[in-house]
PDB file of N, CA and C in Angstrom:
ATOM      1  N   MET A   1      99.051-151.089-128.772  1.00  0.00           N
ATOM      2  CA  MET A   1      98.377-151.642-129.972  1.00  0.00           C
ATOM      3  C   MET A   1      98.530-150.534-131.015  1.00  0.00           C
ATOM      4  N   ALA A   2      98.862-150.834-132.305  1.00  0.00           N
ATOM      5  CA  ALA A   2      99.014-149.889-133.309  1.00  0.00           C
ATOM      6  C   ALA A   2      98.236-150.410-134.585  1.00  0.00           C
ATOM      7  N   PHE A   3      97.840-149.535-135.307  1.00  0.00           N
ATOM      8  CA  PHE A   3      97.179-149.928-136.433  1.00  0.00           C
ATOM      9  C   PHE A   3      98.018-149.442-137.706  1.00  0.00           C
ATOM     10  N   TRP A   4      97.839-150.353-138.698  1.00  0.00           N
ATOM     11  CA  TRP A   4      98.548-149.936-139.942  1.00  0.00           C
ATOM     12  C   TRP A   4      97.830-148.951-140.732  1.00  0.00           C
ATOM     13  N   ARG A   5      98.550-147.911-141.138  1.00  0.00           N
ATOM     14  CA  ARG A   5      97.923-146.901-141.968  1.00  0.00           C
ATOM     15  C   ARG A   5      98.465-146.917-143.405  1.00  0.00           C
ATOM     16  N   PHE A   6      97.575-146.868-144.441  1.00  0.00           N
ATOM     17  CA  PHE A   6      98.003-146.983-145.686  1.00  0.00           C
ATOM     18  C   PHE A   6      98.074-145.576-146.391  1.00  0.00           C
ATOM     19  N   ARG A   7      99.053-145.260-147.205  1.00  0.00           N
ATOM     20  CA  ARG A   7      99.181-144.197-147.990  1.00  0.00           C
ATOM     21  C   ARG A   7      98.835-144.475-149.412  1.00  0.00           C
ATOM     22  N   GLY A   8      98.078-143.510-150.035  1.00  0.00           N
ATOM     23  CA  GLY A   8      97.695-143.648-151.453  1.00  0.00           C
ATOM     24  C   GLY A   8      96.414-144.582-151.585  1.00  0.00           C
ATOM     25  N   SER A   9      96.234-144.954-152.853  1.00  0.00           N
ATOM     26  CA  SER A   9      95.078-145.891-153.070  1.00  0.00           C
ATOM     27  C   SER A   9      95.399-147.255-152.648  1.00  0.00           C
ATOM     28  N   TRP A  10      94.375-148.022-152.429  1.00  0.00           N
ATOM     29  CA  TRP A  10      94.584-149.465-152.141  1.00  0.00           C
ATOM     30  C   TRP A  10      95.127-150.201-153.304  1.00  0.00           C
ATOM     31  N   GLN A  11      94.864-149.905-154.524  1.00  0.00           N
ATOM     32  CA  GLN A  11      95.317-150.705-155.611  1.00  0.00           C
ATOM     33  C   GLN A  11      96.828-150.566-155.763  1.00  0.00           C
ATOM     34  N   ASN A  12      97.368-149.343-155.651  1.00  0.00           N
ATOM     35  CA  ASN A  12      98.787-149.021-155.778  1.00  0.00           C
ATOM     36  C   ASN A  12      99.535-149.209-154.555  1.00  0.00           C
ATOM     37  N   GLN A  13      98.931-149.753-153.402  1.00  0.00           N
ATOM     38  CA  GLN A  13      99.663-149.819-152.235  1.00  0.00           C
ATOM     39  C   GLN A  13     100.598-151.205-152.178  1.00  0.00           C
ATOM     40  N   THR A  14     101.865-150.911-151.950  1.00  0.00           N
ATOM     41  CA  THR A  14     102.867-152.025-151.935  1.00  0.00           C
ATOM     42  C   THR A  14     103.263-152.410-150.548  1.00  0.00           C
ATOM     43  N   GLU A  15     103.365-151.474-149.681  1.00  0.00           N
ATOM     44  CA  GLU A  15     103.901-151.779-148.372  1.00  0.00           C
ATOM     45  C   GLU A  15     103.147-150.957-147.457  1.00  0.00           C
ATOM     46  N   PRO A  16     102.663-151.534-146.228  1.00  0.00           N
ATOM     47  CA  PRO A  16     101.959-150.660-145.214  1.00  0.00           C
ATOM     48  C   PRO A  16     103.120-149.904-144.439  1.00  0.00           C
ATOM     49  N   THR A  17     102.688-148.746-143.903  1.00  0.00           N
ATOM     50  CA  THR A  17     103.602-148.018-143.050  1.00  0.00           C
ATOM     51  C   THR A  17     102.911-147.821-141.607  1.00  0.00           C
ATOM     52  N   LEU A  18     103.725-148.116-140.664  1.00  0.00           N
ATOM     53  CA  LEU A  18     103.238-148.044-139.272  1.00  0.00           C
ATOM     54  C   LEU A  18     103.146-146.608-138.735  1.00  0.00           C
ATOM     55  N   ALA A  19     102.061-146.190-138.533  1.00  0.00           N
ATOM     56  CA  ALA A  19     101.788-144.672-138.144  1.00  0.00           C
ATOM     57  C   ALA A  19     102.410-144.488-136.767  1.00  0.00           C
ATOM     58  N   THR A  20     101.930-145.257-135.813  1.00  0.00           N
ATOM     59  CA  THR A  20     102.245-144.934-134.401  1.00  0.00           C
ATOM     60  C   THR A  20     102.592-146.272-133.708  1.00  0.00           C
ATOM     61  N   VAL A  21     103.718-146.249-133.034  1.00  0.00           N
ATOM     62  CA  VAL A  21     104.252-147.500-132.281  1.00  0.00           C
ATOM     63  C   VAL A  21     103.646-147.453-130.918  1.00  0.00           C
ATOM     64  N   ASN A  22     103.752-146.481-130.187  1.00  0.00           N
ATOM     65  CA  ASN A  22     103.407-146.456-128.723  1.00  0.00           C
ATOM     66  C   ASN A  22     101.941-146.061-128.310  1.00  0.00           C
ATOM     67  N   GLN A  23     101.208-145.501-129.323  1.00  0.00           N
ATOM     68  CA  GLN A  23      99.881-145.019-128.994  1.00  0.00           C
ATOM     69  C   GLN A  23      98.906-146.154-128.961  1.00  0.00           C
ATOM     70  N   LYS A  24      97.963-146.242-128.016  1.00  0.00           N
ATOM     71  CA  LYS A  24      96.929-147.141-127.922  1.00  0.00           C
ATOM     72  C   LYS A  24      95.867-146.797-128.792  1.00  0.00           C
ATOM     73  N   SER A  25      95.226-147.703-129.376  1.00  0.00           N
ATOM     74  CA  SER A  25      93.978-147.373-130.013  1.00  0.00           C
ATOM     75  C   SER A  25      92.931-148.307-129.567  1.00  0.00           C
ATOM     76  N   ILE A  26      91.738-147.848-129.215  1.00  0.00           N
ATOM     77  CA  ILE A  26      90.591-148.623-128.846  1.00  0.00           C
ATOM     78  C   ILE A  26      89.348-148.433-129.737  1.00  0.00           C
ATOM     79  N   LEU A  27      88.856-149.677-130.226  1.00  0.00           N
ATOM     80  CA  LEU A  27      87.794-149.562-131.024  1.00  0.00           C
ATOM     81  C   LEU A  27      86.585-149.739-130.228  1.00  0.00           C
ATOM     82  N   ILE A  28      85.637-148.916-130.304  1.00  0.00           N
ATOM     83  CA  ILE A  28      84.357-148.976-129.565  1.00  0.00           C
ATOM     84  C   ILE A  28      83.294-149.413-130.445  1.00  0.00           C
ATOM     85  N   TRP A  29      82.723-150.500-130.415  1.00  0.00           N
ATOM     86  CA  TRP A  29      81.908-151.077-131.431  1.00  0.00           C
ATOM     87  C   TRP A  29      80.395-150.937-130.783  1.00  0.00           C
ATOM     88  N   TYR A  30      79.681-149.846-131.274  1.00  0.00           N
ATOM     89  CA  TYR A  30      78.324-149.648-130.852  1.00  0.00           C
ATOM     90  C   TYR A  30      77.499-150.686-131.447  1.00  0.00           C
ATOM     91  N   ARG A  31      76.625-151.210-130.721  1.00  0.00           N
ATOM     92  CA  ARG A  31      75.634-152.293-131.254  1.00  0.00           C
ATOM     93  C   ARG A  31      74.202-151.816-130.995  1.00  0.00           C
ATOM     94  N   ASN A  32      73.786-152.027-129.768  1.00  0.00           N
ATOM     95  CA  ASN A  32      72.453-151.657-129.288  1.00  0.00           C
ATOM     96  C   ASN A  32      72.379-150.474-128.620  1.00  0.00           C
ATOM     97  N   ASP A  33      73.356-150.144-127.627  1.00  0.00           N
ATOM     98  CA  ASP A  33      73.427-149.061-126.842  1.00  0.00           C
ATOM     99  C   ASP A  33      74.147-147.869-127.415  1.00  0.00           C
ATOM    100  N   LEU A  34      73.413-146.955-128.087  1.00  0.00           N
ATOM    101  CA  LEU A  34      74.001-145.871-128.874  1.00  0.00           C
ATOM    102  C   LEU A  34      74.092-144.592-128.071  1.00  0.00           C
ATOM    103  N   ARG A  35      74.099-144.665-126.670  1.00  0.00           N
ATOM    104  CA  ARG A  35      74.205-143.482-125.942  1.00  0.00           C
ATOM    105  C   ARG A  35      75.728-143.321-125.706  1.00  0.00           C
ATOM    106  N   ILE A  36      76.085-141.962-125.353  1.00  0.00           N
ATOM    107  CA  ILE A  36      77.498-141.690-125.034  1.00  0.00           C
ATOM    108  C   ILE A  36      77.648-141.175-123.509  1.00  0.00           C
ATOM    109  N   HIS A  37      76.469-140.554-123.006  1.00  0.00           N
ATOM    110  CA  HIS A  37      76.568-139.898-121.752  1.00  0.00           C
ATOM    111  C   HIS A  37      76.805-140.936-120.521  1.00  0.00           C
ATOM    112  N   ASP A  38      76.599-142.072-120.696  1.00  0.00           N
ATOM    113  CA  ASP A  38      76.834-142.980-119.618  1.00  0.00           C
ATOM    114  C   ASP A  38      77.446-144.412-120.198  1.00  0.00           C
ATOM    115  N   HIS A  39      78.271-144.243-121.228  1.00  0.00           N
ATOM    116  CA  HIS A  39      78.726-145.415-122.029  1.00  0.00           C
ATOM    117  C   HIS A  39      80.089-145.810-121.252  1.00  0.00           C
ATOM    118  N   GLU A  40      80.151-146.863-120.563  1.00  0.00           N
ATOM    119  CA  GLU A  40      81.320-147.264-119.682  1.00  0.00           C
ATOM    120  C   GLU A  40      82.615-147.546-120.508  1.00  0.00           C
ATOM    121  N   PRO A  41      82.511-148.144-121.696  1.00  0.00           N
ATOM    122  CA  PRO A  41      83.757-148.443-122.564  1.00  0.00           C
ATOM    123  C   PRO A  41      84.273-147.103-123.064  1.00  0.00           C
ATOM    124  N   LEU A  42      83.393-146.165-123.428  1.00  0.00           N
ATOM    125  CA  LEU A  42      83.914-144.828-123.808  1.00  0.00           C
ATOM    126  C   LEU A  42      84.678-144.123-122.735  1.00  0.00           C
ATOM    127  N   TYR A  43      84.030-144.131-121.590  1.00  0.00           N
ATOM    128  CA  TYR A  43      84.743-143.481-120.393  1.00  0.00           C
ATOM    129  C   TYR A  43      86.115-144.207-120.078  1.00  0.00           C
ATOM    130  N   LYS A  44      86.012-145.467-120.107  1.00  0.00           N
ATOM    131  CA  LYS A  44      87.519-146.176-119.875  1.00  0.00           C
ATOM    132  C   LYS A  44      88.383-146.008-120.929  1.00  0.00           C
ATOM    133  N   ALA A  45      87.901-145.752-122.119  1.00  0.00           N
ATOM    134  CA  ALA A  45      88.910-145.532-123.259  1.00  0.00           C
ATOM    135  C   ALA A  45      89.566-144.077-123.057  1.00  0.00           C
ATOM    136  N   VAL A  46      88.717-143.196-122.690  1.00  0.00           N
ATOM    137  CA  VAL A  46      89.224-141.888-122.388  1.00  0.00           C
ATOM    138  C   VAL A  46      90.245-141.865-121.095  1.00  0.00           C
ATOM    139  N   GLN A  47      89.839-142.667-120.166  1.00  0.00           N
ATOM    140  CA  GLN A  47      90.888-142.746-118.943  1.00  0.00           C
ATOM    141  C   GLN A  47      92.192-143.430-119.460  1.00  0.00           C
ATOM    142  N   GLU A  48      92.184-144.261-120.505  1.00  0.00           N
ATOM    143  CA  GLU A  48      93.427-144.952-120.926  1.00  0.00           C
ATOM    144  C   GLU A  48      94.293-143.958-121.773  1.00  0.00           C
ATOM    145  N   LYS A  49      93.727-142.811-122.206  1.00  0.00           N
ATOM    146  CA  LYS A  49      94.300-141.796-123.001  1.00  0.00           C
ATOM    147  C   LYS A  49      94.576-142.523-124.446  1.00  0.00           C
ATOM    148  N   ALA A  50      93.630-143.382-124.922  1.00  0.00           N
ATOM    149  CA  ALA A  50      93.921-144.049-126.116  1.00  0.00           C
ATOM    150  C   ALA A  50      93.095-143.305-127.239  1.00  0.00           C
ATOM    151  N   GLU A  51      93.659-143.582-128.422  1.00  0.00           N
ATOM    152  CA  GLU A  51      92.885-143.083-129.606  1.00  0.00           C
ATOM    153  C   GLU A  51      91.581-143.802-129.712  1.00  0.00           C
ATOM    154  N   ILE A  52      90.392-143.114-129.815  1.00  0.00           N
ATOM    155  CA  ILE A  52      89.160-143.868-129.719  1.00  0.00           C
ATOM    156  C   ILE A  52      88.526-143.890-131.323  1.00  0.00           C
ATOM    157  N   ILE A  53      88.342-145.151-131.603  1.00  0.00           N
ATOM    158  CA  ILE A  53      87.661-145.341-132.918  1.00  0.00           C
ATOM    159  C   ILE A  53      86.336-145.970-132.736  1.00  0.00           C
ATOM    160  N   PRO A  54      85.307-145.046-132.861  1.00  0.00           N
ATOM    161  CA  PRO A  54      83.831-145.635-132.688  1.00  0.00           C
ATOM    162  C   PRO A  54      83.387-146.229-134.008  1.00  0.00           C
ATOM    163  N   LEU A  55      82.677-147.401-133.925  1.00  0.00           N
ATOM    164  CA  LEU A  55      82.209-148.133-135.045  1.00  0.00           C
ATOM    165  C   LEU A  55      80.775-148.422-134.916  1.00  0.00           C
ATOM    166  N   TYR A  56      79.980-148.367-135.938  1.00  0.00           N
ATOM    167  CA  TYR A  56      78.624-148.939-135.859  1.00  0.00           C
ATOM    168  C   TYR A  56      78.534-149.737-137.257  1.00  0.00           C
ATOM    169  N   CYS A  57      77.951-151.043-137.103  1.00  0.00           N
ATOM    170  CA  CYS A  57      77.786-151.800-138.469  1.00  0.00           C
ATOM    171  C   CYS A  57      76.449-152.106-138.479  1.00  0.00           C
ATOM    172  N   PHE A  58      75.861-151.776-139.772  1.00  0.00           N
ATOM    173  CA  PHE A  58      74.496-152.170-140.033  1.00  0.00           C
ATOM    174  C   PHE A  58      74.550-153.765-140.472  1.00  0.00           C
ATOM    175  N   ASP A  59      73.763-154.475-139.771  1.00  0.00           N
ATOM    176  CA  ASP A  59      73.732-155.878-140.080  1.00  0.00           C
ATOM    177  C   ASP A  59      72.763-156.199-141.110  1.00  0.00           C
ATOM    178  N   ASP A  60      73.199-156.609-142.279  1.00  0.00           N
ATOM    179  CA  ASP A  60      72.240-156.963-143.389  1.00  0.00           C
ATOM    180  C   ASP A  60      71.193-157.944-142.925  1.00  0.00           C
ATOM    181  N   ARG A  61      71.411-158.942-141.996  1.00  0.00           N
ATOM    182  CA  ARG A  61      70.504-159.860-141.663  1.00  0.00           C
ATOM    183  C   ARG A  61      69.202-159.343-141.012  1.00  0.00           C
ATOM    184  N   GLU A  62      69.361-158.115-140.336  1.00  0.00           N
ATOM    185  CA  GLU A  62      68.338-157.394-139.601  1.00  0.00           C
ATOM    186  C   GLU A  62      67.380-156.792-140.722  1.00  0.00           C
ATOM    187  N   PHE A  63      67.816-156.757-141.881  1.00  0.00           N
ATOM    188  CA  PHE A  63      66.998-155.937-142.817  1.00  0.00           C
ATOM    189  C   PHE A  63      66.483-157.002-143.906  1.00  0.00           C
ATOM    190  N   GLY A  64      66.496-158.250-143.588  1.00  0.00           N
ATOM    191  CA  GLY A  64      66.078-159.401-144.471  1.00  0.00           C
ATOM    192  C   GLY A  64      64.599-159.490-144.164  1.00  0.00           C
ATOM    193  N   THR A  65      64.162-160.771-144.526  1.00  0.00           N
ATOM    194  CA  THR A  65      62.816-161.249-144.288  1.00  0.00           C
ATOM    195  C   THR A  65      62.667-162.365-143.297  1.00  0.00           C
ATOM    196  N   THR A  66      61.666-162.625-142.740  1.00  0.00           N
ATOM    197  CA  THR A  66      61.438-163.756-141.752  1.00  0.00           C
ATOM    198  C   THR A  66      61.192-164.929-142.675  1.00  0.00           C
ATOM    199  N   SER A  67      61.045-166.234-142.115  1.00  0.00           N
ATOM    200  CA  SER A  67      60.725-167.367-142.923  1.00  0.00           C
ATOM    201  C   SER A  67      59.333-167.275-143.439  1.00  0.00           C
ATOM    202  N   PHE A  68      58.552-166.440-142.896  1.00  0.00           N
ATOM    203  CA  PHE A  68      57.113-166.160-143.430  1.00  0.00           C
ATOM    204  C   PHE A  68      57.041-165.158-144.496  1.00  0.00           C
ATOM    205  N   GLY A  69      58.239-164.594-144.880  1.00  0.00           N
ATOM    206  CA  GLY A  69      58.260-163.440-145.888  1.00  0.00           C
ATOM    207  C   GLY A  69      58.039-162.053-145.363  1.00  0.00           C
ATOM    208  N   PHE A  70      57.863-161.979-144.079  1.00  0.00           N
ATOM    209  CA  PHE A  70      57.703-160.482-143.524  1.00  0.00           C
ATOM    210  C   PHE A  70      59.057-159.864-143.352  1.00  0.00           C
ATOM    211  N   PRO A  71      59.109-158.533-143.544  1.00  0.00           N
ATOM    212  CA  PRO A  71      60.348-157.917-143.209  1.00  0.00           C
ATOM    213  C   PRO A  71      60.707-157.866-141.684  1.00  0.00           C
ATOM    214  N   LYS A  72      61.961-158.176-141.350  1.00  0.00           N
ATOM    215  CA  LYS A  72      62.442-158.158-140.041  1.00  0.00           C
ATOM    216  C   LYS A  72      62.317-156.861-139.445  1.00  0.00           C
ATOM    217  N   THR A  73      62.690-155.846-140.266  1.00  0.00           N
ATOM    218  CA  THR A  73      62.825-154.434-139.840  1.00  0.00           C
ATOM    219  C   THR A  73      61.822-153.617-140.666  1.00  0.00           C
ATOM    220  N   GLY A  74      60.749-153.068-140.164  1.00  0.00           N
ATOM    221  CA  GLY A  74      59.835-152.242-140.854  1.00  0.00           C
ATOM    222  C   GLY A  74      60.369-150.885-141.089  1.00  0.00           C
ATOM    223  N   ALA A  75      59.730-150.126-141.951  1.00  0.00           N
ATOM    224  CA  ALA A  75      60.140-148.670-142.240  1.00  0.00           C
ATOM    225  C   ALA A  75      60.315-147.801-141.107  1.00  0.00           C
ATOM    226  N   PHE A  76      59.426-147.795-140.087  1.00  0.00           N
ATOM    227  CA  PHE A  76      59.545-147.053-138.939  1.00  0.00           C
ATOM    228  C   PHE A  76      60.788-147.285-138.117  1.00  0.00           C
ATOM    229  N   ARG A  77      60.920-148.701-137.875  1.00  0.00           N
ATOM    230  CA  ARG A  77      62.150-149.086-137.208  1.00  0.00           C
ATOM    231  C   ARG A  77      63.492-148.788-137.839  1.00  0.00           C
ATOM    232  N   ALA A  78      63.432-148.960-139.171  1.00  0.00           N
ATOM    233  CA  ALA A  78      64.643-148.500-140.064  1.00  0.00           C
ATOM    234  C   ALA A  78      64.890-147.106-139.989  1.00  0.00           C
ATOM    235  N   GLN A  79      63.902-146.236-140.125  1.00  0.00           N
ATOM    236  CA  GLN A  79      64.082-144.747-139.848  1.00  0.00           C
ATOM    237  C   GLN A  79      64.706-144.328-138.560  1.00  0.00           C
ATOM    238  N   PHE A  80      64.114-144.986-137.546  1.00  0.00           N
ATOM    239  CA  PHE A  80      64.633-144.761-136.123  1.00  0.00           C
ATOM    240  C   PHE A  80      65.934-145.166-135.941  1.00  0.00           C
ATOM    241  N   LEU A  81      66.382-146.205-136.499  1.00  0.00           N
ATOM    242  CA  LEU A  81      67.790-146.678-136.471  1.00  0.00           C
ATOM    243  C   LEU A  81      68.750-145.715-137.249  1.00  0.00           C
ATOM    244  N   LEU A  82      68.276-145.296-138.346  1.00  0.00           N
ATOM    245  CA  LEU A  82      69.044-144.245-139.126  1.00  0.00           C
ATOM    246  C   LEU A  82      69.347-143.040-138.389  1.00  0.00           C
ATOM    247  N   GLU A  83      68.231-142.560-137.796  1.00  0.00           N
ATOM    248  CA  GLU A  83      68.258-141.250-136.960  1.00  0.00           C
ATOM    249  C   GLU A  83      69.100-141.512-135.849  1.00  0.00           C
ATOM    250  N   SER A  84      69.059-142.618-135.078  1.00  0.00           N
ATOM    251  CA  SER A  84      69.784-142.939-133.941  1.00  0.00           C
ATOM    252  C   SER A  84      71.247-142.917-134.215  1.00  0.00           C
ATOM    253  N   VAL A  85      71.743-143.490-135.321  1.00  0.00           N
ATOM    254  CA  VAL A  85      73.102-143.515-135.729  1.00  0.00           C
ATOM    255  C   VAL A  85      73.585-142.204-136.104  1.00  0.00           C
ATOM    256  N   ALA A  86      72.775-141.383-136.760  1.00  0.00           N
ATOM    257  CA  ALA A  86      73.095-140.056-137.173  1.00  0.00           C
ATOM    258  C   ALA A  86      73.289-139.168-135.819  1.00  0.00           C
ATOM    259  N   ASP A  87      72.408-139.442-134.891  1.00  0.00           N
ATOM    260  CA  ASP A  87      72.539-138.759-133.460  1.00  0.00           C
ATOM    261  C   ASP A  87      73.690-139.085-132.841  1.00  0.00           C
ATOM    262  N   LEU A  88      74.120-140.332-132.866  1.00  0.00           N
ATOM    263  CA  LEU A  88      75.397-140.853-132.243  1.00  0.00           C
ATOM    264  C   LEU A  88      76.541-140.187-132.874  1.00  0.00           C
ATOM    265  N   ARG A  89      76.592-140.059-134.243  1.00  0.00           N
ATOM    266  CA  ARG A  89      77.694-139.231-134.938  1.00  0.00           C
ATOM    267  C   ARG A  89      77.704-137.969-134.441  1.00  0.00           C
ATOM    268  N   ASN A  90      76.690-137.177-134.505  1.00  0.00           N
ATOM    269  CA  ASN A  90      76.595-135.713-133.974  1.00  0.00           C
ATOM    270  C   ASN A  90      77.021-135.675-132.540  1.00  0.00           C
ATOM    271  N   SER A  91      76.538-136.582-131.761  1.00  0.00           N
ATOM    272  CA  SER A  91      77.040-136.526-130.375  1.00  0.00           C
ATOM    273  C   SER A  91      78.420-136.708-130.282  1.00  0.00           C
ATOM    274  N   LEU A  92      79.139-137.629-130.917  1.00  0.00           N
ATOM    275  CA  LEU A  92      80.512-137.801-130.852  1.00  0.00           C
ATOM    276  C   LEU A  92      81.254-136.589-131.346  1.00  0.00           C
ATOM    277  N   ARG A  93      80.788-136.009-132.429  1.00  0.00           N
ATOM    278  CA  ARG A  93      81.380-134.806-132.949  1.00  0.00           C
ATOM    279  C   ARG A  93      81.479-133.581-131.946  1.00  0.00           C
ATOM    280  N   SER A  94      80.385-133.438-131.311  1.00  0.00           N
ATOM    281  CA  SER A  94      80.263-132.328-130.364  1.00  0.00           C
ATOM    282  C   SER A  94      80.453-132.757-128.838  1.00  0.00           C
ATOM    283  N   LEU A  95      81.212-133.770-128.704  1.00  0.00           N
ATOM    284  CA  LEU A  95      81.473-134.240-127.304  1.00  0.00           C
ATOM    285  C   LEU A  95      82.327-133.361-126.463  1.00  0.00           C
ATOM    286  N   ASN A  96      81.760-133.028-125.396  1.00  0.00           N
ATOM    287  CA  ASN A  96      82.473-132.033-124.463  1.00  0.00           C
ATOM    288  C   ASN A  96      83.245-132.883-123.528  1.00  0.00           C
ATOM    289  N   PRO A  97      84.582-132.639-123.521  1.00  0.00           N
ATOM    290  CA  PRO A  97      85.434-133.474-122.654  1.00  0.00           C
ATOM    291  C   PRO A  97      85.053-133.424-121.170  1.00  0.00           C
ATOM    292  N   ALA A  98      84.494-132.359-120.744  1.00  0.00           N
ATOM    293  CA  ALA A  98      84.047-132.224-119.274  1.00  0.00           C
ATOM    294  C   ALA A  98      83.006-133.185-119.010  1.00  0.00           C
ATOM    295  N   ASP A  99      82.197-133.654-120.075  1.00  0.00           N
ATOM    296  CA  ASP A  99      81.209-134.664-119.839  1.00  0.00           C
ATOM    297  C   ASP A  99      81.712-135.993-119.397  1.00  0.00           C
ATOM    298  N   LEU A 100      82.916-136.328-119.707  1.00  0.00           N
ATOM    299  CA  LEU A 100      83.577-137.629-119.391  1.00  0.00           C
ATOM    300  C   LEU A 100      84.519-137.305-118.170  1.00  0.00           C
ATOM    301  N   GLY A 101      84.732-136.115-117.757  1.00  0.00           N
ATOM    302  CA  GLY A 101      85.614-135.834-116.568  1.00  0.00           C
ATOM    303  C   GLY A 101      87.034-135.855-116.976  1.00  0.00           C
ATOM    304  N   LYS A 102      87.454-136.028-118.248  1.00  0.00           N
ATOM    305  CA  LYS A 102      88.753-136.056-118.567  1.00  0.00           C
ATOM    306  C   LYS A 102      88.879-135.168-119.898  1.00  0.00           C
ATOM    307  N   SER A 103      90.192-134.937-120.174  1.00  0.00           N
ATOM    308  CA  SER A 103      90.410-134.165-121.422  1.00  0.00           C
ATOM    309  C   SER A 103      90.572-135.097-122.561  1.00  0.00           C
ATOM    310  N   LEU A 104      89.736-134.947-123.591  1.00  0.00           N
ATOM    311  CA  LEU A 104      89.765-135.802-124.754  1.00  0.00           C
ATOM    312  C   LEU A 104      91.156-135.455-125.683  1.00  0.00           C
ATOM    313  N   GLY A 105      91.463-134.220-125.750  1.00  0.00           N
ATOM    314  CA  GLY A 105      92.467-133.767-126.627  1.00  0.00           C
ATOM    315  C   GLY A 105      92.320-134.387-127.985  1.00  0.00           C
ATOM    316  N   SER A 106      93.126-135.103-128.492  1.00  0.00           N
ATOM    317  CA  SER A 106      93.017-135.716-129.882  1.00  0.00           C
ATOM    318  C   SER A 106      92.581-137.240-129.650  1.00  0.00           C
ATOM    319  N   ASN A 107      92.078-137.623-128.542  1.00  0.00           N
ATOM    320  CA  ASN A 107      91.792-138.985-128.320  1.00  0.00           C
ATOM    321  C   ASN A 107      90.654-139.594-129.264  1.00  0.00           C
ATOM    322  N   LEU A 108      89.723-138.612-129.514  1.00  0.00           N
ATOM    323  CA  LEU A 108      88.568-139.077-130.489  1.00  0.00           C
ATOM    324  C   LEU A 108      89.246-139.067-131.838  1.00  0.00           C
ATOM    325  N   GLY A 109      89.852-140.084-132.181  1.00  0.00           N
ATOM    326  CA  GLY A 109      90.907-140.089-133.351  1.00  0.00           C
ATOM    327  C   GLY A 109      89.967-140.078-134.650  1.00  0.00           C
ATOM    328  N   SER A 110      88.791-140.412-134.647  1.00  0.00           N
ATOM    329  CA  SER A 110      88.019-140.281-135.909  1.00  0.00           C
ATOM    330  C   SER A 110      86.547-140.200-135.702  1.00  0.00           C
ATOM    331  N   ASN A 111      85.871-139.899-136.582  1.00  0.00           N
ATOM    332  CA  ASN A 111      84.408-139.848-136.614  1.00  0.00           C
ATOM    333  C   ASN A 111      83.853-141.189-136.404  1.00  0.00           C
ATOM    334  N   LEU A 112      82.544-141.202-136.325  1.00  0.00           N
ATOM    335  CA  LEU A 112      81.917-142.575-136.273  1.00  0.00           C
ATOM    336  C   LEU A 112      82.038-143.338-137.451  1.00  0.00           C
ATOM    337  N   VAL A 113      82.681-144.510-137.373  1.00  0.00           N
ATOM    338  CA  VAL A 113      82.817-145.319-138.672  1.00  0.00           C
ATOM    339  C   VAL A 113      81.494-146.195-138.799  1.00  0.00           C
ATOM    340  N   VAL A 114      80.920-146.050-140.017  1.00  0.00           N
ATOM    341  CA  VAL A 114      79.747-146.821-140.179  1.00  0.00           C
ATOM    342  C   VAL A 114      79.892-147.678-141.396  1.00  0.00           C
ATOM    343  N   ARG A 115      79.598-148.941-141.176  1.00  0.00           N
ATOM    344  CA  ARG A 115      79.751-149.960-142.195  1.00  0.00           C
ATOM    345  C   ARG A 115      78.498-150.686-142.283  1.00  0.00           C
ATOM    346  N   ARG A 116      78.448-151.419-143.365  1.00  0.00           N
ATOM    347  CA  ARG A 116      77.331-152.451-143.638  1.00  0.00           C
ATOM    348  C   ARG A 116      77.834-153.793-144.004  1.00  0.00           C
ATOM    349  N   GLY A 117      77.167-154.777-143.324  1.00  0.00           N
ATOM    350  CA  GLY A 117      77.554-156.170-143.629  1.00  0.00           C
ATOM    351  C   GLY A 117      77.408-156.955-142.461  1.00  0.00           C
ATOM    352  N   LEU A 118      77.995-158.112-142.411  1.00  0.00           N
ATOM    353  CA  LEU A 118      77.920-159.056-141.349  1.00  0.00           C
ATOM    354  C   LEU A 118      79.043-158.528-140.342  1.00  0.00           C
ATOM    355  N   PRO A 119      78.617-158.267-139.040  1.00  0.00           N
ATOM    356  CA  PRO A 119      79.573-157.812-138.077  1.00  0.00           C
ATOM    357  C   PRO A 119      80.741-158.735-137.701  1.00  0.00           C
ATOM    358  N   GLU A 120      80.609-159.965-137.908  1.00  0.00           N
ATOM    359  CA  GLU A 120      81.643-160.888-137.601  1.00  0.00           C
ATOM    360  C   GLU A 120      82.807-160.601-138.325  1.00  0.00           C
TER     361      GLU A 120
END
């Protein structure tokens, strides 16, 4: 699997360039389980020697209101979620390859990608 990488700004882009033909890239989509010490997909991605792209998406629907007008996510839960995602990012940055039993090398291809919107 390969990803298209773009050079320059999106507005001026005329043609994508293929960055890597033979390198595998694995997207790990974090949803509820934000741990890394026993995260099976992360361990398997390291075993595959693939570029790992960790992703977390804040779902706007979780921050809306119920049919009764109450917030679905209160202030304390929202703060907890923000702190948990920040901790995940810091954990991925400081990941010790020995923790997974394999050498990461450049496998952790990017920092945690955080997006907002509908995850579909």
